[in-house]
């Protein structure tokens, strides 16, 4: 991670803590989500990163139809989704 990204994430954390983050800054945080430490729950939540990755069982019928392994094996899910990461 570059120093610039690290500095920016620290700034965004301070904005969240001050309850003074803008929609544009949230969008920026989302674009930087791949650089956020996996243990940094505050930034991950604000970036909209799911807490757990959904992964299906190998015999999931929905995944067989679309050729992925990530619909979450949820019987209410009518379509597979692609993870954000």
PDB file of N, CA and C in Angstrom:
ATOM      1  N   UNK A   1       0.865  -1.180   0.000  1.00  0.00           N
ATOM      2  CA  UNK A   1       0.000   0.000   0.000  1.00  0.00           C
ATOM      3  C   UNK A   1       0.903   1.232   0.000  1.00  0.00           C
ATOM      4  N   UNK A   2       0.541   2.191  -0.823  1.00  0.00           N
ATOM      5  CA  UNK A   2       1.338   3.402  -0.902  1.00  0.00           C
ATOM      6  C   UNK A   2       1.060   4.307   0.292  1.00  0.00           C
ATOM      7  N   UNK A   3       1.985   5.177   0.550  1.00  0.00           N
ATOM      8  CA  UNK A   3       1.848   6.131   1.666  1.00  0.00           C
ATOM      9  C   UNK A   3       0.627   7.031   1.455  1.00  0.00           C
ATOM     10  N   UNK A   4       0.371   7.378   0.195  1.00  0.00           N
ATOM     11  CA  UNK A   4      -0.763   8.249  -0.123  1.00  0.00           C
ATOM     12  C   UNK A   4      -2.089   7.574   0.243  1.00  0.00           C
ATOM     13  N   UNK A   5      -2.222   6.288  -0.087  1.00  0.00           N
ATOM     14  CA  UNK A   5      -3.454   5.553   0.229  1.00  0.00           C
ATOM     15  C   UNK A   5      -3.604   5.402   1.736  1.00  0.00           C
ATOM     16  N   UNK A   6      -2.496   5.073   2.406  1.00  0.00           N
ATOM     17  CA  UNK A   6      -2.525   4.923   3.863  1.00  0.00           C
ATOM     18  C   UNK A   6      -2.944   6.225   4.538  1.00  0.00           C
ATOM     19  N   UNK A   7      -2.404   7.326   4.075  1.00  0.00           N
ATOM     20  CA  UNK A   7      -2.759   8.641   4.613  1.00  0.00           C
ATOM     21  C   UNK A   7      -4.231   8.942   4.369  1.00  0.00           C
ATOM     22  N   UNK A   8      -4.695   8.603   3.195  1.00  0.00           N
ATOM     23  CA  UNK A   8      -6.103   8.864   2.847  1.00  0.00           C
ATOM     24  C   UNK A   8      -7.051   8.037   3.712  1.00  0.00           C
ATOM     25  N   UNK A   9      -6.715   6.766   3.951  1.00  0.00           N
ATOM     26  CA  UNK A   9      -7.549   5.918   4.804  1.00  0.00           C
ATOM     27  C   UNK A   9      -7.590   6.454   6.235  1.00  0.00           C
ATOM     28  N   UNK A  10      -6.465   6.960   6.719  1.00  0.00           N
ATOM     29  CA  UNK A  10      -6.437   7.553   8.065  1.00  0.00           C
ATOM     30  C   UNK A  10      -7.342   8.780   8.122  1.00  0.00           C
ATOM     31  N   UNK A  11      -7.284   9.602   7.069  1.00  0.00           N
ATOM     32  CA  UNK A  11      -8.145  10.781   7.004  1.00  0.00           C
ATOM     33  C   UNK A  11      -9.623  10.382   7.009  1.00  0.00           C
ATOM     34  N   UNK A  12      -9.972   9.396   6.196  1.00  0.00           N
ATOM     35  CA  UNK A  12     -11.368   8.954   6.109  1.00  0.00           C
ATOM     36  C   UNK A  12     -11.846   8.370   7.437  1.00  0.00           C
ATOM     37  N   UNK A  13     -10.961   7.663   8.153  1.00  0.00           N
ATOM     38  CA  UNK A  13     -11.308   7.148   9.474  1.00  0.00           C
ATOM     39  C   UNK A  13     -11.645   8.303  10.420  1.00  0.00           C
ATOM     40  N   UNK A  14     -10.833   9.347  10.388  1.00  0.00           N
ATOM     41  CA  UNK A  14     -11.083  10.508  11.252  1.00  0.00           C
ATOM     42  C   UNK A  14     -12.414  11.165  10.902  1.00  0.00           C
ATOM     43  N   UNK A  15     -12.714  11.252   9.618  1.00  0.00           N
ATOM     44  CA  UNK A  15     -13.986  11.841   9.195  1.00  0.00           C
ATOM     45  C   UNK A  15     -15.165  11.016   9.712  1.00  0.00           C
ATOM     46  N   UNK A  16     -15.039   9.702   9.665  1.00  0.00           N
ATOM     47  CA  UNK A  16     -16.096   8.819  10.189  1.00  0.00           C
ATOM     48  C   UNK A  16     -16.252   9.032  11.681  1.00  0.00           C
ATOM     49  N   UNK A  17     -15.131   9.056  12.393  1.00  0.00           N
ATOM     50  CA  UNK A  17     -15.178   9.218  13.846  1.00  0.00           C
ATOM     51  C   UNK A  17     -15.764  10.563  14.256  1.00  0.00           C
ATOM     52  N   UNK A  18     -15.524  11.595  13.450  1.00  0.00           N
ATOM     53  CA  UNK A  18     -16.098  12.918  13.722  1.00  0.00           C
ATOM     54  C   UNK A  18     -17.532  13.040  13.222  1.00  0.00           C
ATOM     55  N   UNK A  19     -18.035  11.953  12.597  1.00  0.00           N
ATOM     56  CA  UNK A  19     -19.364  11.950  11.983  1.00  0.00           C
ATOM     57  C   UNK A  19     -19.493  13.088  10.980  1.00  0.00           C
ATOM     58  N   UNK A  20     -18.452  13.224  10.161  1.00  0.00           N
ATOM     59  CA  UNK A  20     -18.389  14.325   9.210  1.00  0.00           C
ATOM     60  C   UNK A  20     -17.948  13.842   7.825  1.00  0.00           C
ATOM     61  N   UNK A  21     -18.313  12.622   7.471  1.00  0.00           N
ATOM     62  CA  UNK A  21     -17.898  12.061   6.184  1.00  0.00           C
ATOM     63  C   UNK A  21     -18.963  12.359   5.124  1.00  0.00           C
ATOM     64  N   UNK A  22     -18.518  12.726   3.945  1.00  0.00           N
ATOM     65  CA  UNK A  22     -19.445  13.056   2.864  1.00  0.00           C
ATOM     66  C   UNK A  22     -19.725  11.825   2.006  1.00  0.00           C
ATOM     67  N   UNK A  23     -20.746  11.930   1.169  1.00  0.00           N
ATOM     68  CA  UNK A  23     -21.057  10.838   0.245  1.00  0.00           C
ATOM     69  C   UNK A  23     -19.884  10.584  -0.714  1.00  0.00           C
ATOM     70  N   UNK A  24     -19.244  11.643  -1.134  1.00  0.00           N
ATOM     71  CA  UNK A  24     -18.087  11.498  -2.017  1.00  0.00           C
ATOM     72  C   UNK A  24     -16.941  10.767  -1.344  1.00  0.00           C
ATOM     73  N   UNK A  25     -16.745  11.052  -0.052  1.00  0.00           N
ATOM     74  CA  UNK A  25     -15.692  10.368   0.690  1.00  0.00           C
ATOM     75  C   UNK A  25     -16.040   8.896   0.917  1.00  0.00           C
ATOM     76  N   UNK A  26     -17.313   8.597   1.096  1.00  0.00           N
ATOM     77  CA  UNK A  26     -17.731   7.200   1.210  1.00  0.00           C
ATOM     78  C   UNK A  26     -17.457   6.469  -0.102  1.00  0.00           C
ATOM     79  N   UNK A  27     -17.747   7.113  -1.205  1.00  0.00           N
ATOM     80  CA  UNK A  27     -17.463   6.515  -2.517  1.00  0.00           C
ATOM     81  C   UNK A  27     -15.961   6.286  -2.687  1.00  0.00           C
ATOM     82  N   UNK A  28     -15.169   7.236  -2.236  1.00  0.00           N
ATOM     83  CA  UNK A  28     -13.713   7.079  -2.290  1.00  0.00           C
ATOM     84  C   UNK A  28     -13.273   5.901  -1.426  1.00  0.00           C
ATOM     85  N   UNK A  29     -13.842   5.789  -0.228  1.00  0.00           N
ATOM     86  CA  UNK A  29     -13.521   4.682   0.670  1.00  0.00           C
ATOM     87  C   UNK A  29     -13.864   3.346   0.012  1.00  0.00           C
ATOM     88  N   UNK A  30     -14.997   3.292  -0.663  1.00  0.00           N
ATOM     89  CA  UNK A  30     -15.384   2.069  -1.364  1.00  0.00           C
ATOM     90  C   UNK A  30     -14.357   1.723  -2.443  1.00  0.00           C
ATOM     91  N   UNK A  31     -13.857   2.728  -3.128  1.00  0.00           N
ATOM     92  CA  UNK A  31     -12.870   2.470  -4.185  1.00  0.00           C
ATOM     93  C   UNK A  31     -11.528   2.014  -3.612  1.00  0.00           C
ATOM     94  N   UNK A  32     -11.275   2.315  -2.345  1.00  0.00           N
ATOM     95  CA  UNK A  32     -10.034   1.918  -1.686  1.00  0.00           C
ATOM     96  C   UNK A  32     -10.195   0.659  -0.836  1.00  0.00           C
ATOM     97  N   UNK A  33     -11.342   0.007  -0.921  1.00  0.00           N
ATOM     98  CA  UNK A  33     -11.648  -1.107  -0.021  1.00  0.00           C
ATOM     99  C   UNK A  33     -10.633  -2.247  -0.104  1.00  0.00           C
ATOM    100  N   UNK A  34     -10.028  -2.460  -1.253  1.00  0.00           N
ATOM    101  CA  UNK A  34      -9.066  -3.562  -1.371  1.00  0.00           C
ATOM    102  C   UNK A  34      -7.781  -3.297  -0.582  1.00  0.00           C
ATOM    103  N   UNK A  35      -7.562  -2.051  -0.164  1.00  0.00           N
ATOM    104  CA  UNK A  35      -6.376  -1.698   0.605  1.00  0.00           C
ATOM    105  C   UNK A  35      -6.628  -1.681   2.115  1.00  0.00           C
ATOM    106  N   UNK A  36      -7.879  -1.845   2.526  1.00  0.00           N
ATOM    107  CA  UNK A  36      -8.227  -1.801   3.947  1.00  0.00           C
ATOM    108  C   UNK A  36      -7.827  -3.117   4.601  1.00  0.00           C
ATOM    109  N   UNK A  37      -7.182  -3.020   5.751  1.00  0.00           N
ATOM    110  CA  UNK A  37      -6.790  -4.207   6.509  1.00  0.00           C
ATOM    111  C   UNK A  37      -8.029  -5.025   6.856  1.00  0.00           C
ATOM    112  N   UNK A  38      -7.935  -6.343   6.721  1.00  0.00           N
ATOM    113  CA  UNK A  38      -9.083  -7.233   6.950  1.00  0.00           C
ATOM    114  C   UNK A  38      -9.613  -7.155   8.376  1.00  0.00           C
ATOM    115  N   UNK A  39      -8.812  -6.678   9.317  1.00  0.00           N
ATOM    116  CA  UNK A  39      -9.254  -6.544  10.703  1.00  0.00           C
ATOM    117  C   UNK A  39      -9.830  -5.179  11.029  1.00  0.00           C
ATOM    118  N   UNK A  40      -9.832  -4.273  10.083  1.00  0.00           N
ATOM    119  CA  UNK A  40     -10.320  -2.909  10.320  1.00  0.00           C
ATOM    120  C   UNK A  40     -11.822  -2.848  10.078  1.00  0.00           C
ATOM    121  N   UNK A  41     -12.569  -3.260  11.078  1.00  0.00           N
ATOM    122  CA  UNK A  41     -14.020  -3.401  10.950  1.00  0.00           C
ATOM    123  C   UNK A  41     -14.695  -2.074  10.624  1.00  0.00           C
ATOM    124  N   UNK A  42     -14.254  -1.005  11.232  1.00  0.00           N
ATOM    125  CA  UNK A  42     -14.891   0.302  10.997  1.00  0.00           C
ATOM    126  C   UNK A  42     -14.839   0.695   9.523  1.00  0.00           C
ATOM    127  N   UNK A  43     -13.648   0.690   8.961  1.00  0.00           N
ATOM    128  CA  UNK A  43     -13.523   1.090   7.555  1.00  0.00           C
ATOM    129  C   UNK A  43     -14.191   0.095   6.616  1.00  0.00           C
ATOM    130  N   UNK A  44     -14.067  -1.195   6.928  1.00  0.00           N
ATOM    131  CA  UNK A  44     -14.703  -2.207   6.072  1.00  0.00           C
ATOM    132  C   UNK A  44     -16.220  -2.038   6.046  1.00  0.00           C
ATOM    133  N   UNK A  45     -16.819  -1.774   7.215  1.00  0.00           N
ATOM    134  CA  UNK A  45     -18.270  -1.577   7.264  1.00  0.00           C
ATOM    135  C   UNK A  45     -18.681  -0.349   6.467  1.00  0.00           C
ATOM    136  N   UNK A  46     -17.966   0.746   6.661  1.00  0.00           N
ATOM    137  CA  UNK A  46     -18.309   1.969   5.935  1.00  0.00           C
ATOM    138  C   UNK A  46     -18.068   1.843   4.439  1.00  0.00           C
ATOM    139  N   UNK A  47     -17.143   0.972   4.054  1.00  0.00           N
ATOM    140  CA  UNK A  47     -16.870   0.749   2.632  1.00  0.00           C
ATOM    141  C   UNK A  47     -17.880  -0.215   2.014  1.00  0.00           C
ATOM    142  N   UNK A  48     -18.726  -0.826   2.848  1.00  0.00           N
ATOM    143  CA  UNK A  48     -19.751  -1.732   2.342  1.00  0.00           C
ATOM    144  C   UNK A  48     -19.234  -3.119   2.003  1.00  0.00           C
ATOM    145  N   UNK A  49     -18.096  -3.491   2.576  1.00  0.00           N
ATOM    146  CA  UNK A  49     -17.527  -4.811   2.324  1.00  0.00           C
ATOM    147  C   UNK A  49     -18.291  -5.834   3.161  1.00  0.00           C
ATOM    148  N   UNK A  50     -18.780  -6.915   2.545  1.00  0.00           N
ATOM    149  CA  UNK A  50     -19.518  -7.913   3.311  1.00  0.00           C
ATOM    150  C   UNK A  50     -18.630  -8.569   4.363  1.00  0.00           C
ATOM    151  N   UNK A  51     -19.240  -8.904   5.489  1.00  0.00           N
ATOM    152  CA  UNK A  51     -18.477  -9.493   6.587  1.00  0.00           C
ATOM    153  C   UNK A  51     -17.952 -10.879   6.227  1.00  0.00           C
ATOM    154  N   UNK A  52     -18.752 -11.652   5.527  1.00  0.00           N
ATOM    155  CA  UNK A  52     -18.366 -12.995   5.129  1.00  0.00           C
ATOM    156  C   UNK A  52     -18.596 -13.145   3.636  1.00  0.00           C
ATOM    157  N   UNK A  53     -17.682 -13.828   2.997  1.00  0.00           N
ATOM    158  CA  UNK A  53     -17.874 -14.145   1.586  1.00  0.00           C
ATOM    159  C   UNK A  53     -18.820 -15.328   1.488  1.00  0.00           C
ATOM    160  N   UNK A  54     -19.753 -15.259   0.585  1.00  0.00           N
ATOM    161  CA  UNK A  54     -20.660 -16.380   0.364  1.00  0.00           C
ATOM    162  C   UNK A  54     -19.975 -17.374  -0.558  1.00  0.00           C
ATOM    163  N   UNK A  55     -20.037 -18.623  -0.191  1.00  0.00           N
ATOM    164  CA  UNK A  55     -19.496 -19.659  -1.055  1.00  0.00           C
ATOM    165  C   UNK A  55     -20.436 -20.853  -0.993  1.00  0.00           C
ATOM    166  N   UNK A  56     -20.723 -21.412  -2.111  1.00  0.00           N
ATOM    167  CA  UNK A  56     -21.694 -22.498  -2.188  1.00  0.00           C
ATOM    168  C   UNK A  56     -21.049 -23.857  -2.064  1.00  0.00           C
ATOM    169  N   UNK A  57     -21.911 -24.815  -1.839  1.00  0.00           N
ATOM    170  CA  UNK A  57     -21.485 -26.205  -1.880  1.00  0.00           C
ATOM    171  C   UNK A  57     -21.259 -26.592  -3.331  1.00  0.00           C
ATOM    172  N   UNK A  58     -20.369 -27.535  -3.588  1.00  0.00           N
ATOM    173  CA  UNK A  58     -20.066 -27.912  -4.978  1.00  0.00           C
ATOM    174  C   UNK A  58     -21.278 -28.371  -5.791  1.00  0.00           C
ATOM    175  N   UNK A  59     -22.316 -28.873  -5.120  1.00  0.00           N
ATOM    176  CA  UNK A  59     -23.467 -29.387  -5.860  1.00  0.00           C
ATOM    177  C   UNK A  59     -24.636 -28.398  -5.913  1.00  0.00           C
ATOM    178  N   UNK A  60     -24.370 -27.117  -5.718  1.00  0.00           N
ATOM    179  CA  UNK A  60     -25.424 -26.099  -5.736  1.00  0.00           C
ATOM    180  C   UNK A  60     -26.036 -26.002  -7.143  1.00  0.00           C
ATOM    181  N   UNK A  61     -27.327 -26.223  -7.249  1.00  0.00           N
ATOM    182  CA  UNK A  61     -28.009 -26.205  -8.550  1.00  0.00           C
ATOM    183  C   UNK A  61     -27.977 -24.816  -9.193  1.00  0.00           C
ATOM    184  N   UNK A  62     -28.107 -23.771  -8.380  1.00  0.00           N
ATOM    185  CA  UNK A  62     -28.077 -22.415  -8.933  1.00  0.00           C
ATOM    186  C   UNK A  62     -26.726 -22.123  -9.554  1.00  0.00           C
ATOM    187  N   UNK A  63     -25.656 -22.501  -8.870  1.00  0.00           N
ATOM    188  CA  UNK A  63     -24.313 -22.257  -9.402  1.00  0.00           C
ATOM    189  C   UNK A  63     -24.033 -23.101 -10.637  1.00  0.00           C
ATOM    190  N   UNK A  64     -24.587 -24.289 -10.695  1.00  0.00           N
ATOM    191  CA  UNK A  64     -24.410 -25.117 -11.886  1.00  0.00           C
ATOM    192  C   UNK A  64     -25.016 -24.422 -13.097  1.00  0.00           C
ATOM    193  N   UNK A  65     -26.124 -23.713 -12.898  1.00  0.00           N
ATOM    194  CA  UNK A  65     -26.794 -23.028 -14.008  1.00  0.00           C
ATOM    195  C   UNK A  65     -25.972 -21.859 -14.532  1.00  0.00           C
ATOM    196  N   UNK A  66     -25.364 -21.087 -13.626  1.00  0.00           N
ATOM    197  CA  UNK A  66     -24.642 -19.899 -14.091  1.00  0.00           C
ATOM    198  C   UNK A  66     -23.134 -20.086 -14.135  1.00  0.00           C
ATOM    199  N   UNK A  67     -22.649 -21.234 -13.648  1.00  0.00           N
ATOM    200  CA  UNK A  67     -21.226 -21.535 -13.759  1.00  0.00           C
ATOM    201  C   UNK A  67     -20.344 -20.862 -12.725  1.00  0.00           C
ATOM    202  N   UNK A  68     -20.926 -20.396 -11.624  1.00  0.00           N
ATOM    203  CA  UNK A  68     -20.118 -19.794 -10.559  1.00  0.00           C
ATOM    204  C   UNK A  68     -20.210 -20.654  -9.312  1.00  0.00           C
ATOM    205  N   UNK A  69     -19.561 -20.214  -8.280  1.00  0.00           N
ATOM    206  CA  UNK A  69     -19.658 -20.890  -6.989  1.00  0.00           C
ATOM    207  C   UNK A  69     -19.901 -19.841  -5.903  1.00  0.00           C
ATOM    208  N   UNK A  70     -20.769 -18.885  -6.206  1.00  0.00           N
ATOM    209  CA  UNK A  70     -20.919 -17.786  -5.261  1.00  0.00           C
ATOM    210  C   UNK A  70     -22.334 -17.233  -5.154  1.00  0.00           C
ATOM    211  N   UNK A  71     -23.353 -18.047  -5.305  1.00  0.00           N
ATOM    212  CA  UNK A  71     -24.709 -17.530  -5.133  1.00  0.00           C
ATOM    213  C   UNK A  71     -25.119 -17.539  -3.669  1.00  0.00           C
ATOM    214  N   UNK A  72     -24.309 -18.157  -2.807  1.00  0.00           N
ATOM    215  CA  UNK A  72     -24.600 -18.198  -1.393  1.00  0.00           C
ATOM    216  C   UNK A  72     -25.422 -19.410  -1.001  1.00  0.00           C
ATOM    217  N   UNK A  73     -25.784 -20.248  -1.940  1.00  0.00           N
ATOM    218  CA  UNK A  73     -26.594 -21.438  -1.692  1.00  0.00           C
ATOM    219  C   UNK A  73     -27.869 -21.073  -0.941  1.00  0.00           C
ATOM    220  N   UNK A  74     -28.434 -19.960  -1.303  1.00  0.00           N
ATOM    221  CA  UNK A  74     -29.643 -19.437  -0.657  1.00  0.00           C
ATOM    222  C   UNK A  74     -30.826 -19.795  -1.545  1.00  0.00           C
ATOM    223  N   UNK A  75     -31.756 -20.543  -1.016  1.00  0.00           N
ATOM    224  CA  UNK A  75     -32.882 -20.996  -1.837  1.00  0.00           C
ATOM    225  C   UNK A  75     -33.786 -19.845  -2.267  1.00  0.00           C
ATOM    226  N   UNK A  76     -33.685 -18.699  -1.603  1.00  0.00           N
ATOM    227  CA  UNK A  76     -34.490 -17.545  -2.020  1.00  0.00           C
ATOM    228  C   UNK A  76     -33.783 -16.737  -3.098  1.00  0.00           C
ATOM    229  N   UNK A  77     -32.515 -17.031  -3.339  1.00  0.00           N
ATOM    230  CA  UNK A  77     -31.731 -16.304  -4.334  1.00  0.00           C
ATOM    231  C   UNK A  77     -32.031 -16.873  -5.712  1.00  0.00           C
ATOM    232  N   UNK A  78     -32.541 -16.057  -6.593  1.00  0.00           N
ATOM    233  CA  UNK A  78     -32.903 -16.542  -7.920  1.00  0.00           C
ATOM    234  C   UNK A  78     -31.780 -16.382  -8.926  1.00  0.00           C
ATOM    235  N   UNK A  79     -30.792 -15.576  -8.592  1.00  0.00           N
ATOM    236  CA  UNK A  79     -29.678 -15.375  -9.504  1.00  0.00           C
ATOM    237  C   UNK A  79     -28.373 -15.402  -8.715  1.00  0.00           C
ATOM    238  N   UNK A  80     -27.306 -15.819  -9.365  1.00  0.00           N
ATOM    239  CA  UNK A  80     -26.015 -15.740  -8.733  1.00  0.00           C
ATOM    240  C   UNK A  80     -25.562 -14.285  -8.722  1.00  0.00           C
ATOM    241  N   UNK A  81     -24.728 -13.949  -7.799  1.00  0.00           N
ATOM    242  CA  UNK A  81     -24.179 -12.604  -7.763  1.00  0.00           C
ATOM    243  C   UNK A  81     -22.689 -12.711  -7.877  1.00  0.00           C
ATOM    244  N   UNK A  82     -22.057 -11.618  -8.276  1.00  0.00           N
ATOM    245  CA  UNK A  82     -20.616 -11.613  -8.340  1.00  0.00           C
ATOM    246  C   UNK A  82     -20.108 -10.808  -7.151  1.00  0.00           C
ATOM    247  N   UNK A  83     -19.134 -11.341  -6.396  1.00  0.00           N
ATOM    248  CA  UNK A  83     -18.614 -10.623  -5.237  1.00  0.00           C
ATOM    249  C   UNK A  83     -18.023  -9.287  -5.640  1.00  0.00           C
ATOM    250  N   UNK A  84     -18.023  -8.331  -4.730  1.00  0.00           N
ATOM    251  CA  UNK A  84     -17.504  -6.998  -5.005  1.00  0.00           C
ATOM    252  C   UNK A  84     -15.986  -6.963  -5.055  1.00  0.00           C
ATOM    253  N   UNK A  85     -15.350  -7.917  -4.393  1.00  0.00           N
ATOM    254  CA  UNK A  85     -13.881  -7.863  -4.329  1.00  0.00           C
ATOM    255  C   UNK A  85     -13.260  -8.496  -5.498  1.00  0.00           C
TER     256      UNK A  85
END
